[in-house]
Amino acid sequence: MSGRRNARTARPSVLLATSALFADGEPGGNLVEALDRAGVDAEWVVWDDEAVDWVADLVAVRSTWDYHRRCREFLDWARRVERVSPLLNGAEVFAWNADKAYLVDLVDHVPVVPTRLMDESTLVSGLAAGIEEFGAIVVKPRVGASGIGLVVVEEPLDPRLQGLVTGPWVVQPLVRSVRTHGETSVYVFAGTAVSQVDKHPGAAEIRVHELYGGRSHVVPLGERTAELAERTVRAVERLLDADLAYARVDLMVWQGDWAVSEVELIEPGLYLDVDPANGERFASLVSSRL
């Protein structure tokens, strides 16, 4: 399998990295067709498939939605790819973004949902301190995805702690506005906010992912949400001395104003089933980088 430039058409080639469980790529839309319309040959390839030749005009990580279970292996792969082909956003950005401790790095630059770090050595004291500071708290793994392993805790001996997965963890306040405002995702391509998706949790949940009954819908870009998302991307670029091709900035209302809850720089889902135009926007971004 090869990602080399098509000699017959002389069109640029792009490899879209995915995971084995999503071998046909991100569901809900067709990025390959969108890229074809943009004049680019593209194909989905599984990131850990040893038969793949990663030499291409560009590699874009898309639906590698198993990376959090194999983070070190995934980051090693990204560094290998980067030695032979341009990799959107890049391996070192991935390494920084894979650990939710990055939220602590952002505190001095943009409003962020308060985040504390905790490991096995500080588990008991960290839980007690978080509950004392915030009341109800959310504990989740520092390397994780889709709300997997998230636990809501209201007292140090809360029985829900039996569901705690392997650490280290981040501790955050339970942002109660998630049940009213939900969570907002703003897509930033080439430094400019291009679209917004609002997400709401299902009944008795705080996680907005579809796995837990969440629902999502496209909405017009908000002036304040777009500004904060763009400012967040600029802050990351300065911190890492990086050029970010794409980002999804997740926002929540904390103490009456917007705050960053997560920044997705590795493989943010484009919500193509909700906003198919994101596929065309991403294809345009890729074309502009070739």
C-alpha atoms as a PDB file:
ATOM      1  CA  MET A   1       0.000   0.000   0.000  1.00  0.00           C
ATOM      2  CA  SER A   2       1.486   3.333  -0.996  1.00  0.00           C
ATOM      3  CA  GLY A   3       0.669   6.966  -0.569  1.00  0.00           C
ATOM      4  CA  ARG A   4       3.045   8.186  -3.265  1.00  0.00           C
ATOM      5  CA  ARG A   5       1.960  10.822  -5.773  1.00  0.00           C
ATOM      6  CA  ASN A   6      -0.121   9.423  -8.607  1.00  0.00           C
ATOM      7  CA  ALA A   7       2.279   9.548 -11.565  1.00  0.00           C
ATOM      8  CA  ARG A   8      -0.544   9.383 -14.103  1.00  0.00           C
ATOM      9  CA  THR A   9      -2.571  12.306 -12.783  1.00  0.00           C
ATOM     10  CA  ALA A  10       0.199  14.226 -10.975  1.00  0.00           C
ATOM     11  CA  ARG A  11      -2.309  14.972  -8.243  1.00  0.00           C
ATOM     12  CA  PRO A  12      -1.045  15.276  -4.672  1.00  0.00           C
ATOM     13  CA  SER A  13      -1.608  12.307  -2.383  1.00  0.00           C
ATOM     14  CA  VAL A  14      -2.893  12.362   1.183  1.00  0.00           C
ATOM     15  CA  LEU A  15      -3.125   9.517   3.647  1.00  0.00           C
ATOM     16  CA  LEU A  16      -5.943   9.717   6.187  1.00  0.00           C
ATOM     17  CA  ALA A  17      -4.898   7.802   9.294  1.00  0.00           C
ATOM     18  CA  THR A  18      -7.581   5.831  11.069  1.00  0.00           C
ATOM     19  CA  SER A  19      -7.854   2.876  13.460  1.00  0.00           C
ATOM     20  CA  ALA A  20      -8.668  -0.763  12.744  1.00  0.00           C
ATOM     21  CA  LEU A  21     -12.174  -0.491  14.182  1.00  0.00           C
ATOM     22  CA  PHE A  22     -12.876   2.396  11.772  1.00  0.00           C
ATOM     23  CA  ALA A  23     -10.958   1.101   8.755  1.00  0.00           C
ATOM     24  CA  ASP A  24     -13.304   2.911   6.353  1.00  0.00           C
ATOM     25  CA  GLY A  25     -12.723   6.195   8.123  1.00  0.00           C
ATOM     26  CA  GLU A  26     -14.765   8.642  10.097  1.00  0.00           C
ATOM     27  CA  PRO A  27     -18.466   7.771   9.854  1.00  0.00           C
ATOM     28  CA  GLY A  28     -21.098  10.182   8.677  1.00  0.00           C
ATOM     29  CA  GLY A  29     -19.388  11.678   5.643  1.00  0.00           C
ATOM     30  CA  ASN A  30     -16.926  11.017   2.856  1.00  0.00           C
ATOM     31  CA  LEU A  31     -13.643  12.891   3.194  1.00  0.00           C
ATOM     32  CA  VAL A  32     -12.112  10.990   0.280  1.00  0.00           C
ATOM     33  CA  GLU A  33     -14.787  12.350  -2.061  1.00  0.00           C
ATOM     34  CA  ALA A  34     -14.432  15.844  -0.615  1.00  0.00           C
ATOM     35  CA  LEU A  35     -10.674  15.724  -1.159  1.00  0.00           C
ATOM     36  CA  ASP A  36     -11.167  14.405  -4.687  1.00  0.00           C
ATOM     37  CA  ARG A  37     -13.307  17.451  -5.451  1.00  0.00           C
ATOM     38  CA  ALA A  38     -10.451  19.570  -4.068  1.00  0.00           C
ATOM     39  CA  GLY A  39      -8.031  17.933  -6.520  1.00  0.00           C
ATOM     40  CA  VAL A  40      -6.380  15.579  -4.035  1.00  0.00           C
ATOM     41  CA  ASP A  41      -6.018  11.787  -4.108  1.00  0.00           C
ATOM     42  CA  ALA A  42      -6.745  10.410  -0.644  1.00  0.00           C
ATOM     43  CA  GLU A  43      -7.206   7.037   1.023  1.00  0.00           C
ATOM     44  CA  TRP A  44      -7.943   5.735   4.490  1.00  0.00           C
ATOM     45  CA  VAL A  45      -5.134   3.701   6.069  1.00  0.00           C
ATOM     46  CA  VAL A  46      -4.909   2.110   9.511  1.00  0.00           C
ATOM     47  CA  TRP A  47      -2.163   3.758  11.527  1.00  0.00           C
ATOM     48  CA  ASP A  48      -0.658   0.543  12.917  1.00  0.00           C
ATOM     49  CA  ASP A  49      -0.855  -1.444   9.658  1.00  0.00           C
ATOM     50  CA  GLU A  50       2.742  -2.455   8.991  1.00  0.00           C
ATOM     51  CA  ALA A  51       2.043  -2.832   5.261  1.00  0.00           C
ATOM     52  CA  VAL A  52       1.425   0.897   4.789  1.00  0.00           C
ATOM     53  CA  ASP A  53       4.037   2.983   3.006  1.00  0.00           C
ATOM     54  CA  TRP A  54       3.734   6.355   4.739  1.00  0.00           C
ATOM     55  CA  VAL A  55       5.519   8.312   2.007  1.00  0.00           C
ATOM     56  CA  ALA A  56       2.950  10.810   0.771  1.00  0.00           C
ATOM     57  CA  ASP A  57       2.546  14.491   0.088  1.00  0.00           C
ATOM     58  CA  LEU A  58       0.712  14.797   3.390  1.00  0.00           C
ATOM     59  CA  VAL A  59      -0.542  12.620   6.253  1.00  0.00           C
ATOM     60  CA  ALA A  60      -3.601  13.700   8.236  1.00  0.00           C
ATOM     61  CA  VAL A  61      -4.564  11.943  11.451  1.00  0.00           C
ATOM     62  CA  ARG A  62      -8.333  11.553  11.566  1.00  0.00           C
ATOM     63  CA  SER A  63     -10.094   8.674  13.313  1.00  0.00           C
ATOM     64  CA  THR A  64      -7.271   7.039  15.282  1.00  0.00           C
ATOM     65  CA  TRP A  65      -9.722   6.576  18.118  1.00  0.00           C
ATOM     66  CA  ASP A  66      -7.722   3.890  19.880  1.00  0.00           C
ATOM     67  CA  TYR A  67      -4.607   5.999  20.467  1.00  0.00           C
ATOM     68  CA  HIS A  68      -5.423   6.670  24.128  1.00  0.00           C
ATOM     69  CA  ARG A  69      -5.103   2.950  24.875  1.00  0.00           C
ATOM     70  CA  ARG A  70      -1.690   2.774  23.181  1.00  0.00           C
ATOM     71  CA  CYS A  71      -0.437   6.305  23.544  1.00  0.00           C
ATOM     72  CA  ARG A  72       3.305   5.657  23.578  1.00  0.00           C
ATOM     73  CA  GLU A  73       3.061   3.387  20.549  1.00  0.00           C
ATOM     74  CA  PHE A  74       0.932   5.940  18.709  1.00  0.00           C
ATOM     75  CA  LEU A  75       3.332   8.800  19.415  1.00  0.00           C
ATOM     76  CA  ASP A  76       6.299   6.697  18.285  1.00  0.00           C
ATOM     77  CA  TRP A  77       4.399   5.993  15.065  1.00  0.00           C
ATOM     78  CA  ALA A  78       3.708   9.707  14.540  1.00  0.00           C
ATOM     79  CA  ARG A  79       7.403  10.522  14.925  1.00  0.00           C
ATOM     80  CA  ARG A  80       8.314   7.838  12.377  1.00  0.00           C
ATOM     81  CA  VAL A  81       5.771   9.178   9.897  1.00  0.00           C
ATOM     82  CA  GLU A  82       7.071  12.691  10.350  1.00  0.00           C
ATOM     83  CA  ARG A  83      10.524  11.580   9.264  1.00  0.00           C
ATOM     84  CA  VAL A  84       9.241  10.640   5.800  1.00  0.00           C
ATOM     85  CA  SER A  85       6.175  12.829   5.174  1.00  0.00           C
ATOM     86  CA  PRO A  86       4.591  16.072   6.376  1.00  0.00           C
ATOM     87  CA  LEU A  87       2.187  15.327   9.245  1.00  0.00           C
ATOM     88  CA  LEU A  88      -0.574  17.832   9.960  1.00  0.00           C
ATOM     89  CA  ASN A  89      -0.093  19.425  13.400  1.00  0.00           C
ATOM     90  CA  GLY A  90       2.856  17.109  14.053  1.00  0.00           C
ATOM     91  CA  ALA A  91       4.064  14.528  16.540  1.00  0.00           C
ATOM     92  CA  GLU A  92       5.226  16.925  19.231  1.00  0.00           C
ATOM     93  CA  VAL A  93       1.872  18.705  19.236  1.00  0.00           C
ATOM     94  CA  PHE A  94       0.246  15.283  19.583  1.00  0.00           C
ATOM     95  CA  ALA A  95       2.495  14.433  22.540  1.00  0.00           C
ATOM     96  CA  TRP A  96       1.549  17.655  24.339  1.00  0.00           C
ATOM     97  CA  ASN A  97      -2.152  17.282  23.581  1.00  0.00           C
ATOM     98  CA  ALA A  98      -2.412  13.600  24.517  1.00  0.00           C
ATOM     99  CA  ASP A  99      -2.063  14.443  28.230  1.00  0.00           C
ATOM    100  CA  LYS A 100      -4.833  16.630  29.640  1.00  0.00           C
ATOM    101  CA  ALA A 101      -2.230  18.277  31.849  1.00  0.00           C
ATOM    102  CA  TYR A 102      -1.941  20.689  28.904  1.00  0.00           C
ATOM    103  CA  LEU A 103      -4.933  22.520  30.400  1.00  0.00           C
ATOM    104  CA  VAL A 104      -2.692  23.669  33.246  1.00  0.00           C
ATOM    105  CA  ASP A 105      -0.296  25.146  30.670  1.00  0.00           C
ATOM    106  CA  LEU A 106      -3.116  27.239  29.220  1.00  0.00           C
ATOM    107  CA  VAL A 107      -4.356  28.809  32.460  1.00  0.00           C
ATOM    108  CA  ASP A 108      -2.214  31.949  32.136  1.00  0.00           C
ATOM    109  CA  HIS A 109      -3.338  32.550  28.556  1.00  0.00           C
ATOM    110  CA  VAL A 110      -7.073  31.856  28.256  1.00  0.00           C
ATOM    111  CA  PRO A 111      -9.927  31.089  30.669  1.00  0.00           C
ATOM    112  CA  VAL A 112      -9.886  27.361  31.433  1.00  0.00           C
ATOM    113  CA  VAL A 113     -12.160  25.148  33.509  1.00  0.00           C
ATOM    114  CA  PRO A 114     -10.099  24.771  36.743  1.00  0.00           C
ATOM    115  CA  THR A 115      -7.894  21.688  36.469  1.00  0.00           C
ATOM    116  CA  ARG A 116      -5.809  19.937  39.105  1.00  0.00           C
ATOM    117  CA  LEU A 117      -3.415  17.025  38.546  1.00  0.00           C
ATOM    118  CA  MET A 118      -3.440  13.867  40.608  1.00  0.00           C
ATOM    119  CA  ASP A 119      -1.566  10.552  40.581  1.00  0.00           C
ATOM    120  CA  GLU A 120      -1.453   7.461  42.779  1.00  0.00           C
ATOM    121  CA  SER A 121       0.745   9.182  45.358  1.00  0.00           C
ATOM    122  CA  THR A 122      -1.697  12.092  45.727  1.00  0.00           C
ATOM    123  CA  LEU A 123      -4.960  10.225  45.144  1.00  0.00           C
ATOM    124  CA  VAL A 124      -6.428  10.497  48.641  1.00  0.00           C
ATOM    125  CA  SER A 125      -5.217  14.020  49.364  1.00  0.00           C
ATOM    126  CA  GLY A 126      -6.090  15.182  45.840  1.00  0.00           C
ATOM    127  CA  LEU A 127      -9.659  13.958  46.083  1.00  0.00           C
ATOM    128  CA  ALA A 128     -10.112  15.593  49.475  1.00  0.00           C
ATOM    129  CA  ALA A 129      -8.619  18.873  48.270  1.00  0.00           C
ATOM    130  CA  GLY A 130     -10.737  18.883  45.124  1.00  0.00           C
ATOM    131  CA  ILE A 131     -13.956  18.244  47.054  1.00  0.00           C
ATOM    132  CA  GLU A 132     -13.079  20.942  49.571  1.00  0.00           C
ATOM    133  CA  GLU A 133     -12.355  23.432  46.791  1.00  0.00           C
ATOM    134  CA  PHE A 134     -15.193  22.668  44.386  1.00  0.00           C
ATOM    135  CA  GLY A 135     -17.764  20.449  46.094  1.00  0.00           C
ATOM    136  CA  ALA A 136     -18.731  17.878  43.462  1.00  0.00           C
ATOM    137  CA  ILE A 137     -15.774  17.046  41.242  1.00  0.00           C
ATOM    138  CA  VAL A 138     -15.082  15.213  37.999  1.00  0.00           C
ATOM    139  CA  VAL A 139     -12.140  12.825  37.903  1.00  0.00           C
ATOM    140  CA  LYS A 140     -10.931  11.530  34.546  1.00  0.00           C
ATOM    141  CA  PRO A 141      -7.753  10.007  33.149  1.00  0.00           C
ATOM    142  CA  ARG A 142      -5.131  12.413  31.865  1.00  0.00           C
ATOM    143  CA  VAL A 143      -4.845  10.257  28.740  1.00  0.00           C
ATOM    144  CA  GLY A 144      -8.339   9.373  27.634  1.00  0.00           C
ATOM    145  CA  ALA A 145     -11.136   9.979  25.149  1.00  0.00           C
ATOM    146  CA  SER A 146     -14.920  10.171  24.836  1.00  0.00           C
ATOM    147  CA  GLY A 147     -15.479  10.495  28.573  1.00  0.00           C
ATOM    148  CA  ILE A 148     -14.254   6.953  29.177  1.00  0.00           C
ATOM    149  CA  GLY A 149     -13.322   6.497  32.834  1.00  0.00           C
ATOM    150  CA  LEU A 150     -14.958   9.750  33.969  1.00  0.00           C
ATOM    151  CA  VAL A 151     -16.229   9.613  37.547  1.00  0.00           C
ATOM    152  CA  VAL A 152     -18.281  12.219  39.438  1.00  0.00           C
ATOM    153  CA  VAL A 153     -17.317  12.340  43.108  1.00  0.00           C
ATOM    154  CA  GLU A 154     -19.006  14.218  45.950  1.00  0.00           C
ATOM    155  CA  GLU A 155     -17.213  12.817  49.001  1.00  0.00           C
ATOM    156  CA  PRO A 156     -13.841  11.155  49.614  1.00  0.00           C
ATOM    157  CA  LEU A 157     -15.457   7.739  50.168  1.00  0.00           C
ATOM    158  CA  ASP A 158     -17.880   8.068  47.247  1.00  0.00           C
ATOM    159  CA  PRO A 159     -18.724   4.525  46.047  1.00  0.00           C
ATOM    160  CA  ARG A 160     -18.429   5.687  42.443  1.00  0.00           C
ATOM    161  CA  LEU A 161     -14.652   5.715  42.957  1.00  0.00           C
ATOM    162  CA  GLN A 162     -14.807   1.971  42.350  1.00  0.00           C
ATOM    163  CA  GLY A 163     -15.087   2.913  38.677  1.00  0.00           C
ATOM    164  CA  LEU A 164     -11.795   4.813  38.681  1.00  0.00           C
ATOM    165  CA  VAL A 165      -9.541   3.694  35.836  1.00  0.00           C
ATOM    166  CA  THR A 166      -5.747   3.695  35.767  1.00  0.00           C
ATOM    167  CA  GLY A 167      -4.187   7.113  36.475  1.00  0.00           C
ATOM    168  CA  PRO A 168      -2.804   9.668  36.476  1.00  0.00           C
ATOM    169  CA  TRP A 169      -5.907  11.838  36.480  1.00  0.00           C
ATOM    170  CA  VAL A 170      -7.179  15.377  36.222  1.00  0.00           C
ATOM    171  CA  VAL A 171      -9.634  16.739  38.765  1.00  0.00           C
ATOM    172  CA  GLN A 172     -12.107  19.436  37.754  1.00  0.00           C
ATOM    173  CA  PRO A 173     -15.238  20.928  39.275  1.00  0.00           C
ATOM    174  CA  LEU A 174     -18.535  19.505  38.120  1.00  0.00           C
ATOM    175  CA  VAL A 175     -19.574  22.222  35.653  1.00  0.00           C
ATOM    176  CA  ARG A 176     -23.304  22.144  36.257  1.00  0.00           C
ATOM    177  CA  SER A 177     -24.066  24.305  33.212  1.00  0.00           C
ATOM    178  CA  VAL A 178     -23.364  21.253  31.066  1.00  0.00           C
ATOM    179  CA  ARG A 179     -26.927  20.184  31.870  1.00  0.00           C
ATOM    180  CA  THR A 180     -28.354  23.475  30.586  1.00  0.00           C
ATOM    181  CA  HIS A 181     -25.898  25.053  28.126  1.00  0.00           C
ATOM    182  CA  GLY A 182     -24.203  21.767  27.268  1.00  0.00           C
ATOM    183  CA  GLU A 183     -20.758  21.902  25.689  1.00  0.00           C
ATOM    184  CA  THR A 184     -19.785  23.829  22.572  1.00  0.00           C
ATOM    185  CA  SER A 185     -17.207  22.701  20.035  1.00  0.00           C
ATOM    186  CA  VAL A 186     -15.635  25.278  17.726  1.00  0.00           C
ATOM    187  CA  TYR A 187     -13.552  24.124  14.759  1.00  0.00           C
ATOM    188  CA  VAL A 188     -10.555  26.280  13.943  1.00  0.00           C
ATOM    189  CA  PHE A 189      -8.893  25.641  10.585  1.00  0.00           C
ATOM    190  CA  ALA A 190      -5.726  27.558   9.668  1.00  0.00           C
ATOM    191  CA  GLY A 191      -6.279  29.873  12.637  1.00  0.00           C
ATOM    192  CA  THR A 192      -9.863  30.831  11.753  1.00  0.00           C
ATOM    193  CA  ALA A 193     -13.024  29.556  13.431  1.00  0.00           C
ATOM    194  CA  VAL A 194     -15.134  27.946  10.710  1.00  0.00           C
ATOM    195  CA  SER A 195     -18.016  26.130  12.406  1.00  0.00           C
ATOM    196  CA  GLN A 196     -19.670  25.336  15.712  1.00  0.00           C
ATOM    197  CA  VAL A 197     -21.474  22.302  17.079  1.00  0.00           C
ATOM    198  CA  ASP A 198     -23.415  22.400  20.348  1.00  0.00           C
ATOM    199  CA  LYS A 199     -23.647  19.177  22.361  1.00  0.00           C
ATOM    200  CA  HIS A 200     -25.983  18.232  25.188  1.00  0.00           C
ATOM    201  CA  PRO A 201     -25.882  15.239  27.520  1.00  0.00           C
ATOM    202  CA  GLY A 202     -28.574  12.637  27.858  1.00  0.00           C
ATOM    203  CA  ALA A 203     -30.757  12.321  30.936  1.00  0.00           C
ATOM    204  CA  ALA A 204     -28.862  11.908  34.225  1.00  0.00           C
ATOM    205  CA  GLU A 205     -25.530  12.298  32.393  1.00  0.00           C
ATOM    206  CA  ILE A 206     -22.893  15.006  32.116  1.00  0.00           C
ATOM    207  CA  ARG A 207     -21.048  13.384  29.212  1.00  0.00           C
ATOM    208  CA  VAL A 208     -22.195  14.741  25.860  1.00  0.00           C
ATOM    209  CA  HIS A 209     -20.864  11.903  23.717  1.00  0.00           C
ATOM    210  CA  GLU A 210     -23.368   9.848  21.735  1.00  0.00           C
ATOM    211  CA  LEU A 211     -22.159   6.769  23.636  1.00  0.00           C
ATOM    212  CA  TYR A 212     -23.992   8.095  26.685  1.00  0.00           C
ATOM    213  CA  GLY A 213     -27.122   9.369  24.989  1.00  0.00           C
ATOM    214  CA  GLY A 214     -25.759  12.793  24.080  1.00  0.00           C
ATOM    215  CA  ARG A 215     -27.036  14.755  21.101  1.00  0.00           C
ATOM    216  CA  SER A 216     -25.315  17.291  18.853  1.00  0.00           C
ATOM    217  CA  HIS A 217     -26.472  19.919  16.394  1.00  0.00           C
ATOM    218  CA  VAL A 218     -24.798  22.507  14.214  1.00  0.00           C
ATOM    219  CA  VAL A 219     -25.372  26.159  15.153  1.00  0.00           C
ATOM    220  CA  PRO A 220     -24.135  29.458  13.742  1.00  0.00           C
ATOM    221  CA  LEU A 221     -20.700  30.516  14.958  1.00  0.00           C
ATOM    222  CA  GLY A 222     -20.979  32.638  18.053  1.00  0.00           C
ATOM    223  CA  GLU A 223     -18.877  35.796  18.146  1.00  0.00           C
ATOM    224  CA  ARG A 224     -17.563  35.144  21.653  1.00  0.00           C
ATOM    225  CA  THR A 225     -17.039  31.419  21.207  1.00  0.00           C
ATOM    226  CA  ALA A 226     -15.200  31.950  17.907  1.00  0.00           C
ATOM    227  CA  GLU A 227     -12.969  34.615  19.442  1.00  0.00           C
ATOM    228  CA  LEU A 228     -12.042  32.449  22.428  1.00  0.00           C
ATOM    229  CA  ALA A 229     -11.384  29.410  20.240  1.00  0.00           C
ATOM    230  CA  GLU A 230      -9.092  31.380  17.932  1.00  0.00           C
ATOM    231  CA  ARG A 231      -7.312  32.942  20.906  1.00  0.00           C
ATOM    232  CA  THR A 232      -6.784  29.498  22.403  1.00  0.00           C
ATOM    233  CA  VAL A 233      -5.213  28.204  19.195  1.00  0.00           C
ATOM    234  CA  ARG A 234      -2.879  31.206  19.050  1.00  0.00           C
ATOM    235  CA  ALA A 235      -1.879  30.589  22.664  1.00  0.00           C
ATOM    236  CA  VAL A 236      -1.011  26.953  21.925  1.00  0.00           C
ATOM    237  CA  GLU A 237       0.977  27.973  18.872  1.00  0.00           C
ATOM    238  CA  ARG A 238       3.036  30.359  20.994  1.00  0.00           C
ATOM    239  CA  LEU A 239       3.528  27.822  23.773  1.00  0.00           C
ATOM    240  CA  LEU A 240       4.702  25.097  21.411  1.00  0.00           C
ATOM    241  CA  ASP A 241       6.207  27.246  18.646  1.00  0.00           C
ATOM    242  CA  ALA A 242       3.926  25.309  16.316  1.00  0.00           C
ATOM    243  CA  ASP A 243       1.731  25.943  13.302  1.00  0.00           C
ATOM    244  CA  LEU A 244      -1.641  24.333  13.962  1.00  0.00           C
ATOM    245  CA  ALA A 245      -3.499  23.331  10.824  1.00  0.00           C
ATOM    246  CA  TYR A 246      -6.643  22.295  12.666  1.00  0.00           C
ATOM    247  CA  ALA A 247      -8.136  22.289  16.133  1.00  0.00           C
ATOM    248  CA  ARG A 248     -11.394  21.685  17.887  1.00  0.00           C
ATOM    249  CA  VAL A 249     -11.804  23.825  20.977  1.00  0.00           C
ATOM    250  CA  ASP A 250     -14.416  22.620  23.458  1.00  0.00           C
ATOM    251  CA  LEU A 251     -16.013  25.293  25.635  1.00  0.00           C
ATOM    252  CA  MET A 252     -18.302  25.305  28.669  1.00  0.00           C
ATOM    253  CA  VAL A 253     -19.932  28.043  30.720  1.00  0.00           C
ATOM    254  CA  TRP A 254     -18.064  28.282  34.022  1.00  0.00           C
ATOM    255  CA  GLN A 255     -18.994  30.946  36.574  1.00  0.00           C
ATOM    256  CA  GLY A 256     -21.055  32.848  34.033  1.00  0.00           C
ATOM    257  CA  ASP A 257     -18.581  32.964  31.164  1.00  0.00           C
ATOM    258  CA  TRP A 258     -17.044  30.759  28.518  1.00  0.00           C
ATOM    259  CA  ALA A 259     -14.027  28.673  29.472  1.00  0.00           C
ATOM    260  CA  VAL A 260     -11.958  26.073  27.639  1.00  0.00           C
ATOM    261  CA  SER A 261     -12.735  22.509  28.691  1.00  0.00           C
ATOM    262  CA  GLU A 262     -10.545  20.724  26.134  1.00  0.00           C
ATOM    263  CA  VAL A 263      -8.458  21.398  23.036  1.00  0.00           C
ATOM    264  CA  GLU A 264      -8.450  18.591  20.473  1.00  0.00           C
ATOM    265  CA  LEU A 265      -5.371  18.664  18.228  1.00  0.00           C
ATOM    266  CA  ILE A 266      -4.884  14.985  17.382  1.00  0.00           C
ATOM    267  CA  GLU A 267      -8.021  13.400  15.941  1.00  0.00           C
ATOM    268  CA  PRO A 268     -11.114  15.461  16.707  1.00  0.00           C
ATOM    269  CA  GLY A 269     -14.237  14.047  15.152  1.00  0.00           C
ATOM    270  CA  LEU A 270     -15.634  16.429  12.547  1.00  0.00           C
ATOM    271  CA  TYR A 271     -19.277  15.534  13.347  1.00  0.00           C
ATOM    272  CA  LEU A 272     -19.824  14.910   9.658  1.00  0.00           C
ATOM    273  CA  ASP A 273     -23.242  13.415  10.322  1.00  0.00           C
ATOM    274  CA  VAL A 274     -24.281  16.692  11.951  1.00  0.00           C
ATOM    275  CA  ASP A 275     -22.387  19.172   9.775  1.00  0.00           C
ATOM    276  CA  PRO A 276     -21.394  17.592   6.428  1.00  0.00           C
ATOM    277  CA  ALA A 277     -19.868  20.904   5.342  1.00  0.00           C
ATOM    278  CA  ASN A 278     -17.022  20.269   7.786  1.00  0.00           C
ATOM    279  CA  GLY A 279     -15.779  17.662   5.316  1.00  0.00           C
ATOM    280  CA  GLU A 280     -15.519  20.255   2.566  1.00  0.00           C
ATOM    281  CA  ARG A 281     -13.867  22.697   4.968  1.00  0.00           C
ATOM    282  CA  PHE A 282     -11.303  20.101   5.999  1.00  0.00           C
ATOM    283  CA  ALA A 283     -10.620  19.201   2.368  1.00  0.00           C
ATOM    284  CA  SER A 284     -10.051  22.870   1.573  1.00  0.00           C
ATOM    285  CA  LEU A 285      -7.640  23.111   4.521  1.00  0.00           C
ATOM    286  CA  VAL A 286      -5.693  20.060   3.345  1.00  0.00           C
ATOM    287  CA  SER A 287      -5.543  21.367  -0.224  1.00  0.00           C
ATOM    288  CA  SER A 288      -4.179  24.693   1.030  1.00  0.00           C
ATOM    289  CA  ARG A 289      -1.355  22.869   2.867  1.00  0.00           C
ATOM    290  CA  LEU A 290      -0.151  20.981  -0.213  1.00  0.00           C
END
